[in-house]
Structure formats: structure tokens, C-alpha cells
Amino acid sequence: MQEHGMFGKYTMTSLLNELDVIELIHIPGKNPIVREVITKQILICEKMAVPPPTMALS
């Protein structure tokens, strides 16, 4: 977080809270579905070198 300048904008708790609201829905017989991921969450993932979740998982 420090090397990407994220401590000025987020605390560890607030960063985790931003990502905590991402939902994964499991429907029997179907591929899991990720609910809407907002741009702010995608940017956090990219800065942390973590691939952002996609809308449909295979």
C-alpha cells in the first residue's frame, strides 16, 4: 500500500471495507457470478497487483 501511495487515501480497514462489499453468487448448476464491481474497487485491485474479479467466473 505504501509504495502505491494508498496510505494517504485509505487505512487498512477502509481499504478492506471497500473490497468487502464485492459479492459472489452461487446458483446450483450455474457458474458463480460476481455482482457489480465499481471502478474504485478495480483500481484498488490493480494497485495491489491482484486481478479484479470478473462478472462471470468459469
N, C-alpha and C. Protein backbone atom coordinates (compact mmCIF):
# COMPACT_ATOMS: atom_id res chain seq x y z
N MET A 1 0.82 -1.19 0.00
CA MET A 1 0.00 0.00 0.00
C MET A 1 0.86 1.25 0.00
N GLN A 2 1.93 1.23 0.76
CA GLN A 2 2.77 2.41 0.87
C GLN A 2 3.44 2.76 -0.45
N GLU A 3 3.93 1.76 -1.17
CA GLU A 3 4.63 2.04 -2.43
C GLU A 3 3.70 2.58 -3.51
N HIS A 4 2.40 2.42 -3.35
CA HIS A 4 1.44 2.94 -4.33
C HIS A 4 0.74 4.20 -3.82
N GLY A 5 1.20 4.73 -2.68
CA GLY A 5 0.62 5.97 -2.14
C GLY A 5 -0.80 5.82 -1.65
N MET A 6 -1.18 4.63 -1.24
CA MET A 6 -2.57 4.39 -0.83
C MET A 6 -2.82 4.72 0.64
N PHE A 7 -1.77 4.83 1.47
CA PHE A 7 -1.98 5.14 2.87
C PHE A 7 -2.51 6.56 3.06
N GLY A 8 -2.25 7.46 2.11
CA GLY A 8 -2.78 8.81 2.20
C GLY A 8 -4.29 8.87 2.01
N LYS A 9 -4.83 7.87 1.31
CA LYS A 9 -6.25 7.86 0.99
C LYS A 9 -7.03 6.83 1.81
N TYR A 10 -6.37 5.73 2.16
CA TYR A 10 -7.04 4.63 2.85
C TYR A 10 -6.29 4.20 4.09
N THR A 11 -7.04 3.76 5.10
CA THR A 11 -6.43 2.97 6.17
C THR A 11 -6.61 1.52 5.75
N MET A 12 -5.94 0.60 6.40
CA MET A 12 -6.10 -0.81 6.05
C MET A 12 -7.56 -1.24 6.21
N THR A 13 -8.21 -0.76 7.26
CA THR A 13 -9.61 -1.11 7.50
C THR A 13 -10.52 -0.56 6.40
N SER A 14 -10.32 0.70 6.01
CA SER A 14 -11.18 1.27 4.98
C SER A 14 -10.95 0.60 3.62
N LEU A 15 -9.72 0.21 3.35
CA LEU A 15 -9.42 -0.49 2.10
C LEU A 15 -10.15 -1.84 2.07
N LEU A 16 -10.06 -2.59 3.17
CA LEU A 16 -10.75 -3.87 3.24
C LEU A 16 -12.26 -3.70 3.17
N ASN A 17 -12.78 -2.63 3.77
CA ASN A 17 -14.22 -2.36 3.70
C ASN A 17 -14.67 -2.10 2.26
N GLU A 18 -13.84 -1.41 1.48
CA GLU A 18 -14.17 -1.16 0.07
C GLU A 18 -14.29 -2.47 -0.70
N LEU A 19 -13.41 -3.41 -0.41
CA LEU A 19 -13.40 -4.68 -1.14
C LEU A 19 -14.39 -5.70 -0.56
N ASP A 20 -14.79 -5.51 0.68
CA ASP A 20 -15.67 -6.46 1.36
C ASP A 20 -17.06 -6.54 0.73
N VAL A 21 -17.48 -5.48 0.08
CA VAL A 21 -18.84 -5.45 -0.48
C VAL A 21 -18.97 -6.18 -1.81
N ILE A 22 -17.87 -6.67 -2.37
CA ILE A 22 -17.94 -7.45 -3.61
C ILE A 22 -18.61 -8.78 -3.27
N GLU A 23 -19.65 -9.12 -4.00
CA GLU A 23 -20.42 -10.33 -3.72
C GLU A 23 -20.24 -11.38 -4.80
N LEU A 24 -20.15 -12.63 -4.38
CA LEU A 24 -20.09 -13.77 -5.29
C LEU A 24 -21.36 -14.58 -5.06
N ILE A 25 -22.12 -14.80 -6.13
CA ILE A 25 -23.40 -15.51 -6.04
C ILE A 25 -23.22 -16.91 -6.61
N HIS A 26 -23.63 -17.90 -5.82
CA HIS A 26 -23.59 -19.29 -6.26
C HIS A 26 -25.02 -19.75 -6.55
N ILE A 27 -25.26 -20.19 -7.78
CA ILE A 27 -26.55 -20.74 -8.17
C ILE A 27 -26.30 -22.19 -8.58
N PRO A 28 -26.98 -23.13 -7.95
CA PRO A 28 -26.74 -24.54 -8.29
C PRO A 28 -26.89 -24.80 -9.80
N GLY A 29 -25.90 -25.47 -10.37
CA GLY A 29 -25.92 -25.80 -11.78
C GLY A 29 -25.44 -24.69 -12.70
N LYS A 30 -25.05 -23.56 -12.16
CA LYS A 30 -24.59 -22.42 -12.96
C LYS A 30 -23.18 -22.02 -12.51
N ASN A 31 -22.49 -21.26 -13.37
CA ASN A 31 -21.19 -20.70 -12.99
C ASN A 31 -21.41 -19.63 -11.94
N PRO A 32 -20.48 -19.48 -10.97
CA PRO A 32 -20.60 -18.39 -9.99
C PRO A 32 -20.61 -17.03 -10.70
N ILE A 33 -21.33 -16.09 -10.14
CA ILE A 33 -21.46 -14.75 -10.71
C ILE A 33 -20.97 -13.74 -9.68
N VAL A 34 -20.13 -12.82 -10.12
CA VAL A 34 -19.68 -11.72 -9.27
C VAL A 34 -20.63 -10.55 -9.50
N ARG A 35 -21.19 -10.02 -8.40
CA ARG A 35 -22.06 -8.85 -8.52
C ARG A 35 -21.24 -7.66 -9.00
N GLU A 36 -21.87 -6.57 -9.23
CA GLU A 36 -21.24 -5.37 -9.78
C GLU A 36 -19.99 -4.97 -8.98
N VAL A 37 -18.91 -4.74 -9.72
CA VAL A 37 -17.65 -4.27 -9.13
C VAL A 37 -17.44 -2.85 -9.65
N ILE A 38 -17.32 -1.89 -8.73
CA ILE A 38 -17.20 -0.49 -9.15
C ILE A 38 -15.75 -0.16 -9.51
N THR A 39 -15.58 0.92 -10.22
CA THR A 39 -14.27 1.34 -10.71
C THR A 39 -13.28 1.50 -9.57
N LYS A 40 -13.71 2.07 -8.45
CA LYS A 40 -12.83 2.27 -7.30
C LYS A 40 -12.25 0.93 -6.83
N GLN A 41 -13.07 -0.12 -6.80
CA GLN A 41 -12.61 -1.44 -6.38
C GLN A 41 -11.63 -2.03 -7.39
N ILE A 42 -11.88 -1.82 -8.66
CA ILE A 42 -10.96 -2.31 -9.71
C ILE A 42 -9.61 -1.61 -9.57
N LEU A 43 -9.62 -0.31 -9.33
CA LEU A 43 -8.36 0.43 -9.18
C LEU A 43 -7.57 -0.04 -7.96
N ILE A 44 -8.26 -0.32 -6.87
CA ILE A 44 -7.59 -0.84 -5.67
C ILE A 44 -6.93 -2.18 -5.99
N CYS A 45 -7.65 -3.06 -6.66
CA CYS A 45 -7.09 -4.37 -7.02
C CYS A 45 -5.86 -4.21 -7.91
N GLU A 46 -5.95 -3.34 -8.89
CA GLU A 46 -4.82 -3.14 -9.81
C GLU A 46 -3.60 -2.59 -9.08
N LYS A 47 -3.81 -1.64 -8.18
CA LYS A 47 -2.68 -1.08 -7.43
C LYS A 47 -2.05 -2.11 -6.50
N MET A 48 -2.84 -3.05 -6.02
CA MET A 48 -2.33 -4.09 -5.13
C MET A 48 -1.81 -5.30 -5.91
N ALA A 49 -1.81 -5.22 -7.24
CA ALA A 49 -1.35 -6.31 -8.13
C ALA A 49 -2.17 -7.59 -7.93
N VAL A 50 -3.47 -7.40 -7.74
CA VAL A 50 -4.41 -8.50 -7.60
C VAL A 50 -5.40 -8.38 -8.75
N PRO A 51 -5.63 -9.45 -9.51
CA PRO A 51 -6.60 -9.32 -10.60
C PRO A 51 -8.00 -9.04 -10.05
N PRO A 52 -8.69 -8.04 -10.60
CA PRO A 52 -10.04 -7.76 -10.13
C PRO A 52 -10.97 -8.91 -10.52
N PRO A 53 -12.01 -9.14 -9.70
CA PRO A 53 -12.94 -10.20 -10.04
C PRO A 53 -13.69 -9.88 -11.33
N THR A 54 -14.01 -10.90 -12.08
CA THR A 54 -14.77 -10.71 -13.32
C THR A 54 -16.24 -10.97 -13.03
N MET A 55 -17.09 -10.53 -13.95
CA MET A 55 -18.53 -10.67 -13.75
C MET A 55 -19.02 -12.11 -13.77
N ALA A 56 -18.41 -12.96 -14.56
CA ALA A 56 -18.77 -14.38 -14.59
C ALA A 56 -17.50 -15.20 -14.48
N LEU A 57 -17.48 -16.12 -13.55
CA LEU A 57 -16.32 -16.98 -13.35
C LEU A 57 -16.54 -18.32 -14.01
N SER A 58 -15.53 -18.86 -14.59
CA SER A 58 -15.65 -20.18 -15.25
C SER A 58 -15.19 -21.27 -14.32
